Protein backbone atom coordinates (compact mmCIF):
# COMPACT_ATOMS: atom_id res chain seq x y z
CA UNK A 1 0.00 0.00 0.00
CA UNK A 2 1.33 3.40 -0.98
CA UNK A 3 1.43 6.31 1.44
CA UNK A 4 1.93 9.98 0.65
CA UNK A 5 3.40 12.79 2.70
CA UNK A 6 0.69 14.91 4.30
CA UNK A 7 0.66 18.52 3.14
CA UNK A 8 1.52 21.20 5.69
CA UNK A 9 -2.11 22.37 5.71
CA UNK A 10 -3.25 18.83 6.58
CA UNK A 11 -0.67 18.51 9.33
CA UNK A 12 -1.89 21.74 10.94
CA UNK A 13 -5.48 20.42 11.19
CA UNK A 14 -4.54 17.54 13.49
CA UNK A 15 -0.85 17.96 14.27
CA UNK A 16 -0.30 16.10 17.53
CA UNK A 17 -0.97 12.98 19.52
CA UNK A 18 -1.91 14.06 23.05
CA UNK A 19 -3.69 11.36 25.03
CA UNK A 20 -5.16 12.83 28.21
CA UNK A 21 -4.50 9.80 30.40
CA UNK A 22 -0.73 10.09 29.91
CA UNK A 23 -0.44 13.82 30.65
CA UNK A 24 1.47 13.06 33.84
CA UNK A 25 4.18 11.35 31.77
CA UNK A 26 4.24 13.75 28.83
CA UNK A 27 5.96 17.10 28.98
CA UNK A 28 4.86 18.03 25.46
CA UNK A 29 2.65 16.80 22.65
CA UNK A 30 3.95 14.18 20.25
CA UNK A 31 3.79 15.24 16.56
CA UNK A 32 1.74 13.01 14.30
CA UNK A 33 3.63 13.44 11.02
CA UNK A 34 7.09 14.66 12.07
CA UNK A 35 9.86 12.91 13.95
CA UNK A 36 9.67 14.10 17.58
CA UNK A 37 12.51 16.22 18.88
CA UNK A 38 12.71 14.32 22.17
CA UNK A 39 12.30 10.77 23.40
CA UNK A 40 9.18 9.60 25.22
CA UNK A 41 8.30 6.99 27.81
CA UNK A 42 8.14 3.48 26.29
CA UNK A 43 4.99 2.76 28.28
CA UNK A 44 3.23 5.86 26.99
CA UNK A 45 4.22 5.29 23.37
CA UNK A 46 3.23 1.63 23.47
CA UNK A 47 -0.16 2.51 24.99
CA UNK A 48 -0.68 5.30 22.47
CA UNK A 49 -0.05 2.97 19.53
CA UNK A 50 -2.16 0.21 21.07
CA UNK A 51 -5.08 2.61 21.43
CA UNK A 52 -4.81 3.58 17.76
CA UNK A 53 -4.66 -0.06 16.69
CA UNK A 54 -7.92 -0.66 18.57
CA UNK A 55 -9.59 1.26 15.75
CA UNK A 56 -8.77 -1.56 13.31
CA UNK A 57 -11.35 -4.23 12.61
CA UNK A 58 -11.51 -7.38 14.72
CA UNK A 59 -9.33 -9.93 12.92
CA UNK A 60 -11.51 -12.80 14.16
CA UNK A 61 -14.56 -11.25 12.49
CA UNK A 62 -12.75 -10.46 9.24
CA UNK A 63 -14.35 -12.94 6.86
CA UNK A 64 -12.92 -11.15 3.82
CA UNK A 65 -9.36 -12.37 4.21
CA UNK A 66 -7.80 -15.74 3.46
CA UNK A 67 -4.88 -14.84 5.71
CA UNK A 68 -4.33 -16.67 8.99
CA UNK A 69 -5.38 -14.72 12.09
CA UNK A 70 -4.76 -17.34 14.81
CA UNK A 71 -1.86 -19.60 15.74
CA UNK A 72 -1.07 -21.73 18.77
CA UNK A 73 0.87 -20.12 21.64
CA UNK A 74 3.81 -22.48 21.06
CA UNK A 75 4.11 -21.24 17.47
CA UNK A 76 3.88 -17.62 18.59
CA UNK A 77 6.66 -18.26 21.12
CA UNK A 78 8.93 -19.67 18.40
CA UNK A 79 8.15 -16.71 16.17
CA UNK A 80 9.01 -14.24 18.93
CA UNK A 81 12.30 -16.04 19.55
CA UNK A 82 13.33 -15.71 15.90
CA UNK A 83 12.21 -12.14 15.21
CA UNK A 84 15.80 -10.90 15.08
CA UNK A 85 17.08 -13.54 12.66
CA UNK A 86 17.71 -12.38 9.10
CA UNK A 87 16.87 -15.40 6.98
CA UNK A 88 19.24 -14.47 4.17
CA UNK A 89 22.22 -14.81 6.55
CA UNK A 90 22.50 -18.58 6.22
CA UNK A 91 26.11 -18.59 7.42
CA UNK A 92 25.05 -17.12 10.76
CA UNK A 93 21.76 -19.02 11.02
CA UNK A 94 22.39 -22.33 9.23
CA UNK A 95 19.75 -24.27 11.13
CA UNK A 96 17.04 -21.81 10.13
CA UNK A 97 18.08 -22.31 6.50
CA UNK A 98 17.89 -26.06 7.10
CA UNK A 99 14.30 -25.70 8.35
CA UNK A 100 13.40 -23.84 5.15
CA UNK A 101 14.95 -26.64 3.09
CA UNK A 102 12.85 -29.17 4.98
CA UNK A 103 9.70 -27.12 4.33
CA UNK A 104 10.45 -27.09 0.59
CA UNK A 105 10.94 -30.87 0.65
CA UNK A 106 7.72 -31.50 2.55
CA UNK A 107 5.64 -29.22 0.32
CA UNK A 108 7.22 -30.64 -2.85
CA UNK A 109 6.33 -34.11 -1.62
CA UNK A 110 2.78 -32.94 -0.82
CA UNK A 111 2.52 -31.71 -4.42
CA UNK A 112 3.87 -35.04 -5.78
CA UNK A 113 7.14 -33.72 -7.18
CA UNK A 114 9.01 -36.61 -8.87
CA UNK A 115 12.02 -37.85 -6.90
CA UNK A 116 14.25 -38.10 -9.95
CA UNK A 117 13.84 -34.57 -11.34
CA UNK A 118 15.48 -32.57 -8.57
CA UNK A 119 12.52 -30.40 -7.65
CA UNK A 120 13.59 -26.95 -6.45
CA UNK A 121 11.85 -24.32 -4.38
CA UNK A 122 12.25 -21.22 -2.26
CA UNK A 123 10.52 -19.42 0.57
CA UNK A 124 8.99 -16.08 -0.35
CA UNK A 125 7.26 -13.24 1.49
CA UNK A 126 3.94 -14.42 0.05
CA UNK A 127 2.38 -15.75 -3.12
CA UNK A 128 2.82 -12.39 -4.84
CA UNK A 129 6.60 -12.74 -4.73
CA UNK A 130 6.31 -16.46 -5.52
CA UNK A 131 4.25 -15.64 -8.62
CA UNK A 132 6.74 -13.03 -9.81
CA UNK A 133 9.55 -15.57 -9.47
CA UNK A 134 7.62 -18.25 -11.34
CA UNK A 135 6.70 -15.76 -14.06
CA UNK A 136 10.31 -14.67 -14.47
CA UNK A 137 11.41 -18.30 -14.79
CA UNK A 138 8.79 -18.90 -17.50
CA UNK A 139 9.81 -15.75 -19.36
CA UNK A 140 13.52 -16.67 -19.35
CA UNK A 141 12.75 -20.22 -20.44
CA UNK A 142 10.70 -18.81 -23.32
CA UNK A 143 13.60 -16.50 -24.32
CA UNK A 144 15.97 -19.45 -24.37
CA UNK A 145 13.65 -21.61 -26.46
CA UNK A 146 12.83 -18.81 -28.93
CA UNK A 147 16.44 -17.78 -29.34
CA UNK A 148 17.02 -14.81 -31.63
CA UNK A 149 13.31 -14.62 -32.46
CA UNK A 150 12.57 -13.55 -28.90
CA UNK A 151 14.36 -10.24 -29.45
CA UNK A 152 11.63 -8.71 -31.60
CA UNK A 153 8.69 -10.55 -30.04
CA UNK A 154 6.46 -9.64 -27.11
CA UNK A 155 5.99 -12.49 -24.66
CA UNK A 156 2.46 -13.16 -23.41
CA UNK A 157 0.86 -15.10 -20.60
CA UNK A 158 -2.64 -16.63 -20.73
CA UNK A 159 -4.88 -16.61 -17.64
CA UNK A 160 -8.47 -16.17 -16.56
CA UNK A 161 -9.85 -12.70 -15.91
CA UNK A 162 -10.42 -13.92 -12.35
CA UNK A 163 -6.69 -13.91 -11.47
CA UNK A 164 -5.40 -12.17 -8.37
CA UNK A 165 -3.96 -8.70 -8.93
CA UNK A 166 -0.37 -9.88 -8.46
CA UNK A 167 -0.56 -11.49 -11.92
CA UNK A 168 -1.46 -8.11 -13.38
CA UNK A 169 1.51 -6.64 -11.52
CA UNK A 170 3.85 -9.30 -12.89
CA UNK A 171 2.71 -8.67 -16.47
CA UNK A 172 3.12 -4.90 -16.16
CA UNK A 173 6.36 -4.83 -14.18
CA UNK A 174 8.14 -7.40 -16.37
CA UNK A 175 6.68 -6.39 -19.74
CA UNK A 176 4.63 -9.47 -20.53
CA UNK A 177 1.36 -9.12 -22.44
CA UNK A 178 -1.53 -10.45 -20.33
CA UNK A 179 -4.12 -12.40 -22.32
CA UNK A 180 -7.28 -12.85 -20.28
CA UNK A 181 -9.89 -15.54 -20.74
CA UNK A 182 -13.17 -13.69 -20.03
CA UNK A 183 -15.74 -14.95 -17.57
CA UNK A 184 -19.44 -15.33 -18.41
CA UNK A 185 -22.61 -14.88 -16.34
CA UNK A 186 -22.61 -18.63 -15.73
CA UNK A 187 -18.88 -19.48 -15.72
CA UNK A 188 -16.51 -17.87 -13.23
CA UNK A 189 -13.27 -19.71 -14.01
CA UNK A 190 -11.03 -20.27 -17.02
CA UNK A 191 -12.41 -22.01 -20.13
CA UNK A 192 -9.88 -24.46 -21.59
CA UNK A 193 -10.98 -23.93 -25.20
CA UNK A 194 -10.80 -20.15 -24.89
CA UNK A 195 -7.42 -20.36 -23.18
CA UNK A 196 -6.01 -22.44 -26.05
CA UNK A 197 -7.33 -19.94 -28.59
CA UNK A 198 -5.07 -17.29 -27.00
CA UNK A 199 -1.88 -19.39 -27.05
CA UNK A 200 0.85 -18.86 -29.65
CA UNK A 201 4.62 -19.23 -30.04
CA UNK A 202 5.19 -16.25 -27.74
CA UNK A 203 3.18 -17.62 -24.83
CA UNK A 204 5.44 -18.14 -21.81
CA UNK A 205 2.81 -20.12 -19.93
CA UNK A 206 -0.81 -20.65 -18.99
CA UNK A 207 -1.99 -20.05 -15.42
CA UNK A 208 -4.39 -22.43 -13.71
CA UNK A 209 -5.88 -21.29 -10.41
CA UNK A 210 -6.44 -23.77 -7.62
CA UNK A 211 -9.02 -21.73 -5.76
CA UNK A 212 -10.37 -18.57 -7.38
CA UNK A 213 -10.33 -15.58 -5.07
CA UNK A 214 -13.82 -14.66 -6.37
CA UNK A 215 -15.76 -17.89 -5.79
CA UNK A 216 -13.27 -20.40 -4.36
CA UNK A 217 -13.62 -22.71 -7.38
CA UNK A 218 -10.79 -24.84 -8.75
CA UNK A 219 -9.96 -24.40 -12.41
CA UNK A 220 -9.87 -27.53 -14.67
CA UNK A 221 -6.10 -27.96 -14.55
CA UNK A 222 -6.01 -31.61 -15.62
CA UNK A 223 -8.21 -30.82 -18.63
CA UNK A 224 -5.99 -27.85 -19.44
CA UNK A 225 -2.88 -30.04 -19.29
CA UNK A 226 -4.39 -32.61 -21.66
CA UNK A 227 -5.36 -29.88 -24.11
CA UNK A 228 -1.84 -28.39 -24.06
CA UNK A 229 -0.34 -31.87 -24.57
CA UNK A 230 -2.50 -32.25 -27.66
CA UNK A 231 -1.54 -28.75 -28.80
CA UNK A 232 2.13 -29.70 -28.64
CA UNK A 233 1.46 -32.83 -30.70
CA UNK A 234 -0.40 -30.81 -33.34
CA UNK A 235 1.54 -27.53 -33.47
CA UNK A 236 4.83 -28.30 -31.69
CA UNK A 237 4.16 -25.61 -29.05
CA UNK A 238 5.52 -26.61 -25.66
CA UNK A 239 3.56 -24.37 -23.28
CA UNK A 240 4.01 -24.91 -19.53
CA UNK A 241 1.33 -24.61 -16.87
CA UNK A 242 1.91 -22.68 -13.69
CA UNK A 243 -0.56 -23.50 -10.93
CA UNK A 244 -1.48 -20.62 -8.66
CA UNK A 245 -2.28 -22.64 -5.55
CA UNK A 246 -2.05 -19.65 -3.22
CA UNK A 247 -5.27 -20.64 -1.49
CA UNK A 248 -5.82 -24.24 -2.52
CA UNK A 249 -2.33 -25.69 -2.09
CA UNK A 250 -2.95 -26.68 1.52
CA UNK A 251 -6.63 -27.55 0.97
CA UNK A 252 -6.93 -29.79 -2.09
CA UNK A 253 -4.35 -32.41 -0.98
CA UNK A 254 -6.48 -33.12 2.10
CA UNK A 255 -10.08 -32.43 1.05
CA UNK A 256 -9.77 -33.61 -2.58
CA UNK A 257 -6.80 -36.04 -2.69
CA UNK A 258 -8.18 -37.64 -5.86
CA UNK A 259 -8.02 -34.34 -7.75
CA UNK A 260 -5.06 -34.31 -10.17
CA UNK A 261 -3.74 -30.76 -10.41
CA UNK A 262 -0.10 -30.78 -9.30
CA UNK A 263 3.25 -32.27 -10.38
CA UNK A 264 1.51 -35.55 -11.20
CA UNK A 265 0.78 -33.73 -14.47
CA UNK A 266 4.05 -33.42 -16.45
CA UNK A 267 2.69 -30.26 -18.05
CA UNK A 268 2.67 -28.52 -14.63
CA UNK A 269 6.14 -27.00 -14.31
CA UNK A 270 5.77 -24.72 -11.29
CA UNK A 271 3.43 -24.11 -8.36
CA UNK A 272 3.09 -21.35 -5.80
CA UNK A 273 1.27 -21.56 -2.50
CA UNK A 274 0.71 -19.29 0.48
CA UNK A 275 1.79 -20.57 3.86
CA UNK A 276 -0.05 -17.65 5.43
CA UNK A 277 -3.41 -18.76 4.06
CA UNK A 278 -4.44 -22.36 4.56
CA UNK A 279 -0.85 -23.25 5.47
CA UNK A 280 -2.08 -21.69 8.75
CA UNK A 281 0.85 -19.31 9.38
CA UNK A 282 0.68 -15.59 10.17
CA UNK A 283 1.58 -13.33 7.20
CA UNK A 284 3.78 -13.28 5.27
CA UNK A 285 5.12 -16.56 3.97
CA UNK A 286 4.78 -18.14 0.55
CA UNK A 287 6.48 -20.88 -1.42
CA UNK A 288 7.46 -21.21 -5.07
CA UNK A 289 8.37 -24.65 -6.44
CA UNK A 290 9.58 -26.03 -9.78
CA UNK A 291 9.26 -29.69 -10.76
CA UNK A 292 12.88 -29.84 -11.93
CA UNK A 293 16.00 -27.76 -11.37
CA UNK A 294 16.58 -26.91 -15.06
CA UNK A 295 13.28 -24.99 -15.17
CA UNK A 296 14.98 -22.34 -13.07
CA UNK A 297 17.50 -20.56 -15.36
CA UNK A 298 20.96 -20.07 -13.88
CA UNK A 299 20.87 -16.42 -14.96
CA UNK A 300 18.18 -15.74 -12.37
CA UNK A 301 20.14 -17.21 -9.46
CA UNK A 302 22.52 -14.95 -7.59
CA UNK A 303 25.41 -16.03 -5.40
CA UNK A 304 26.50 -13.85 -2.50
CA UNK A 305 29.48 -14.39 -0.25
CA UNK A 306 29.72 -11.17 1.75
CA UNK A 307 27.73 -12.67 4.62
CA UNK A 308 30.16 -15.58 4.75
CA UNK A 309 30.00 -18.69 2.56
CA UNK A 310 28.38 -18.99 -0.86
CA UNK A 311 24.58 -18.89 -0.87
CA UNK A 312 22.45 -19.09 -4.03
CA UNK A 313 19.34 -16.91 -3.90
CA UNK A 314 16.35 -16.37 -6.15
CA UNK A 315 14.13 -13.73 -4.58
CA UNK A 316 12.99 -10.20 -5.29
CA UNK A 317 14.04 -8.96 -1.87
CA UNK A 318 17.17 -9.69 0.14
CA UNK A 319 16.77 -9.39 3.90
CA UNK A 320 13.68 -10.94 5.44
CA UNK A 321 12.58 -12.32 8.79
CA UNK A 322 12.82 -15.98 9.76
CA UNK A 323 9.78 -16.16 12.03
CA UNK A 324 7.20 -17.20 9.45
CA UNK A 325 9.48 -19.90 8.04
CA UNK A 326 9.99 -21.34 11.52
CA UNK A 327 6.24 -21.16 12.10
CA UNK A 328 5.58 -23.01 8.83
CA UNK A 329 7.95 -25.77 9.87
CA UNK A 330 6.18 -25.91 13.25
CA UNK A 331 2.80 -26.40 11.57
CA UNK A 332 4.08 -29.07 9.19
CA UNK A 333 5.49 -31.07 12.10
CA UNK A 334 2.71 -30.29 14.55
CA UNK A 335 -0.22 -31.11 12.27
CA UNK A 336 1.15 -33.61 9.77
CA UNK A 337 -1.19 -34.98 7.12
CA UNK A 338 -3.70 -36.13 9.72
CA UNK A 339 -3.89 -32.73 11.40
CA UNK A 340 -4.19 -30.72 8.19
CA UNK A 341 -6.87 -33.11 6.95
CA UNK A 342 -8.80 -32.66 10.20
CA UNK A 343 -8.61 -28.85 10.04
CA UNK A 344 -9.51 -28.62 6.35
CA UNK A 345 -12.35 -31.10 6.76
CA UNK A 346 -13.79 -29.05 9.62
CA UNK A 347 -13.55 -25.84 7.60
CA UNK A 348 -15.29 -27.48 4.62
CA UNK A 349 -18.04 -28.76 6.91
CA UNK A 350 -18.63 -25.27 8.32
CA UNK A 351 -18.71 -23.77 4.81
CA UNK A 352 -21.27 -26.37 3.70
CA UNK A 353 -23.45 -25.64 6.74
CA UNK A 354 -23.33 -21.88 6.14
CA UNK A 355 -24.28 -22.43 2.48
CA UNK A 356 -27.29 -24.55 3.43
CA UNK A 357 -28.47 -22.01 6.02
CA UNK A 358 -28.18 -19.14 3.55
CA UNK A 359 -30.15 -21.08 0.94
CA UNK A 360 -32.80 -21.82 3.53
CA UNK A 361 -33.55 -18.10 3.83
CA UNK A 362 -34.88 -18.17 0.27
CA UNK A 363 -32.99 -14.96 -0.48
CA UNK A 364 -29.66 -16.21 -1.80
CA UNK A 365 -28.15 -18.32 -4.58
CA UNK A 366 -24.85 -20.02 -3.76
CA UNK A 367 -22.15 -19.68 -6.44
CA UNK A 368 -19.30 -21.48 -4.65
CA UNK A 369 -18.74 -25.24 -4.89
CA UNK A 370 -18.51 -27.81 -2.10
CA UNK A 371 -15.50 -29.52 -3.75
CA UNK A 372 -13.32 -26.40 -3.65
CA UNK A 373 -12.06 -23.91 -1.06
CA UNK A 374 -13.98 -23.54 2.22
CA UNK A 375 -15.52 -20.35 0.88
CA UNK A 376 -19.15 -19.32 0.61
CA UNK A 377 -19.87 -16.99 -2.31
CA UNK A 378 -23.51 -15.98 -2.72
CA UNK A 379 -25.75 -13.53 -4.58
CA UNK A 380 -29.29 -12.29 -4.20
CA UNK A 381 -31.70 -14.69 -5.91
CA UNK A 382 -34.07 -11.91 -6.94
CA UNK A 383 -34.14 -8.13 -6.81
CA UNK A 384 -34.65 -6.68 -3.35
CA UNK A 385 -35.15 -3.18 -2.01
CA UNK A 386 -31.53 -3.43 -0.83
CA UNK A 387 -28.28 -4.74 -2.32
CA UNK A 388 -25.48 -7.03 -1.21
CA UNK A 389 -23.49 -3.86 -0.52
CA UNK A 390 -26.17 -2.75 1.93
CA UNK A 391 -26.08 -6.14 3.63
CA UNK A 392 -22.29 -5.97 3.89
CA UNK A 393 -22.55 -2.52 5.50
CA UNK A 394 -25.29 -3.70 7.87
CA UNK A 395 -23.12 -6.61 9.03
CA UNK A 396 -20.28 -4.19 9.75
CA UNK A 397 -22.53 -2.58 12.34
CA UNK A 398 -22.12 -5.84 14.27
CA UNK A 399 -18.37 -5.99 13.59
CA UNK A 400 -18.47 -8.57 10.77
CA UNK A 401 -16.35 -7.87 7.69
CA UNK A 402 -18.09 -9.68 4.82
CA UNK A 403 -17.02 -8.14 1.49
CA UNK A 404 -19.44 -7.34 -1.31
CA UNK A 405 -18.07 -7.01 -4.83
CA UNK A 406 -18.80 -7.64 -8.48
CA UNK A 407 -17.37 -10.59 -10.37
CA UNK A 408 -14.68 -10.38 -13.04
CA UNK A 409 -15.28 -8.68 -16.44
CA UNK A 410 -18.08 -10.17 -18.56
CA UNK A 411 -19.72 -11.33 -15.33
CA UNK A 412 -19.41 -7.98 -13.57
CA UNK A 413 -23.16 -7.43 -13.53
CA UNK A 414 -23.28 -10.07 -10.77
CA UNK A 415 -22.75 -8.67 -7.28
CA UNK A 416 -21.91 -11.13 -4.55
CA UNK A 417 -20.90 -11.52 -0.92
CA UNK A 418 -18.11 -13.87 0.18
CA UNK A 419 -17.42 -15.59 3.49
CA UNK A 420 -13.95 -17.12 3.87
CA UNK A 421 -14.04 -19.90 6.45
CA UNK A 422 -10.81 -20.03 8.46
CA UNK A 423 -9.80 -21.45 11.79
CA UNK A 424 -11.72 -19.50 14.40
CA UNK A 425 -14.98 -19.58 12.44
CA UNK A 426 -16.37 -22.68 14.08
CA UNK A 427 -19.98 -23.80 14.15
CA UNK A 428 -20.85 -21.73 17.24
CA UNK A 429 -19.45 -18.50 15.72
CA UNK A 430 -21.04 -19.37 12.38
CA UNK A 431 -24.44 -19.68 14.08
CA UNK A 432 -24.01 -16.17 15.47
CA UNK A 433 -23.05 -14.93 12.00
CA UNK A 434 -26.18 -16.45 10.44
CA UNK A 435 -28.31 -14.99 13.20
CA UNK A 436 -26.84 -11.57 12.50
CA UNK A 437 -27.41 -12.00 8.74
CA UNK A 438 -31.09 -12.81 9.35
CA UNK A 439 -31.44 -9.84 11.69
CA UNK A 440 -29.74 -7.56 9.14
CA UNK A 441 -32.15 -8.74 6.43
CA UNK A 442 -35.10 -7.89 8.68
CA UNK A 443 -33.75 -4.38 9.29
CA UNK A 444 -33.06 -3.84 5.59
CA UNK A 445 -36.54 -5.07 4.66
CA UNK A 446 -37.92 -2.52 7.13
CA UNK A 447 -36.08 0.28 5.36
CA UNK A 448 -32.94 0.57 7.46
CA UNK A 449 -30.15 2.36 5.58
CA UNK A 450 -26.76 1.33 7.02
CA UNK A 451 -24.04 3.93 7.20
CA UNK A 452 -21.12 3.16 4.89
CA UNK A 453 -17.93 2.23 6.73
CA UNK A 454 -15.55 5.09 7.40
CA UNK A 455 -12.56 5.14 5.05
CA UNK A 456 -9.72 6.58 7.11
CA UNK A 457 -6.70 8.29 5.68
CA UNK A 458 -5.88 11.40 3.72
CA UNK A 459 -7.79 11.87 0.50
CA UNK A 460 -10.33 9.15 1.30
CA UNK A 461 -13.00 9.04 -1.36
CA UNK A 462 -16.46 7.50 -1.40
CA UNK A 463 -16.31 4.12 0.29
CA UNK A 464 -19.51 3.02 -1.44
CA UNK A 465 -17.94 3.64 -4.87
CA UNK A 466 -14.75 1.80 -3.90
CA UNK A 467 -16.68 -1.18 -2.56
CA UNK A 468 -18.82 -1.54 -5.65
CA UNK A 469 -15.75 -1.84 -7.84
CA UNK A 470 -13.56 -3.81 -5.48
CA UNK A 471 -11.59 -6.77 -6.80
CA UNK A 472 -11.44 -9.24 -3.89
CA UNK A 473 -8.12 -10.51 -5.21
CA UNK A 474 -6.38 -7.24 -4.45
CA UNK A 475 -4.09 -7.60 -1.51
CA UNK A 476 -4.69 -11.20 -0.44
CA UNK A 477 -1.55 -12.90 -1.75
């Protein structure tokens, strides 16, 4: 998120932080936008910041985000212990680097990477970085295969219009033409036939999403792989698939083990997943994996020795914390396959129950699928005197954050609400949520007009306008 420097006129309107309760410890006001001239009491400053943070939403009631908001105390203790460790300094912290290697091995095994191909992977700050790395690898592989012809050509990447915004960022930042498969009013994921119609000799790859951020659906990756295999036989175009498993990478292996979407398909060359989503780790941790080492061009790997020793790196940033990596390793050991399966099964059960209760109201049509992410995406069945945006605002009056948004282009006339089921949203809390939804509907039917949520910050525009045009994929990688 970008921030801008407040103008002098804005600073003069509300220039200082001056909590009354701490007057006995403060000799002067603390400026809001300028570095203070003097030091202050640590107790006062900590309390001041804590009071401001109380104005944030309740993370437990934030049903918009896929990101983990609860971890066990033992994991939090390990994270606190490793806050000061810079992960890139493998010479100083070799055991932390070893834990990351073990995570890559475990996740590669979970995704059925072949033993004989030398699967390779790296920890990232999140799936956004992981996607940029995978995209760069595809682009450099394309350049190598095209040879001199690549010099005058524009590379392109094929993906559904329902992709998360980080794919748009990759295409723009690294000068790759994005080719979007449009949605329709009845189809909210990629169409294989339409994807193939966009492929040519300059296509660096096709993206398949394991868990759309809009509806939670899995895209037909096995069907896509078969179609690209046939395309290679017919036109000699060897187009790789990258699977964006940011949300589904830790769900599908346990809730849908029979689903073939990963390295079991030779056409799938790379996969990203988010440890801070259903990997159940606090933000931010992601993973990027390649089915074989040669898919990662040597030109993209850097070797540094000024921290001691020789350490190959392939990341967009350099320094980063170790805490989330340690926490990921904790979860993998702590839960194992049995534990993850138990958690994901419980989340799916809660999502199914919420869907059935919403349908029972007679007001909503469910767009999400039971064999996908534990997400409930729903629309109004018929026109009401209120909209899904009004319902979202009414639920905020009770503290719930349930986003309302329109679907991707060509289906953007459909406005929906989405509930992301995470740990913490158990059956008892879900019952309270449904009770509040029913109560909100009664108030809206009676003519209640909920106040739009306050958009804090300088230059805040109309929150209603922003919400109506919100892409739920923005900012969840």
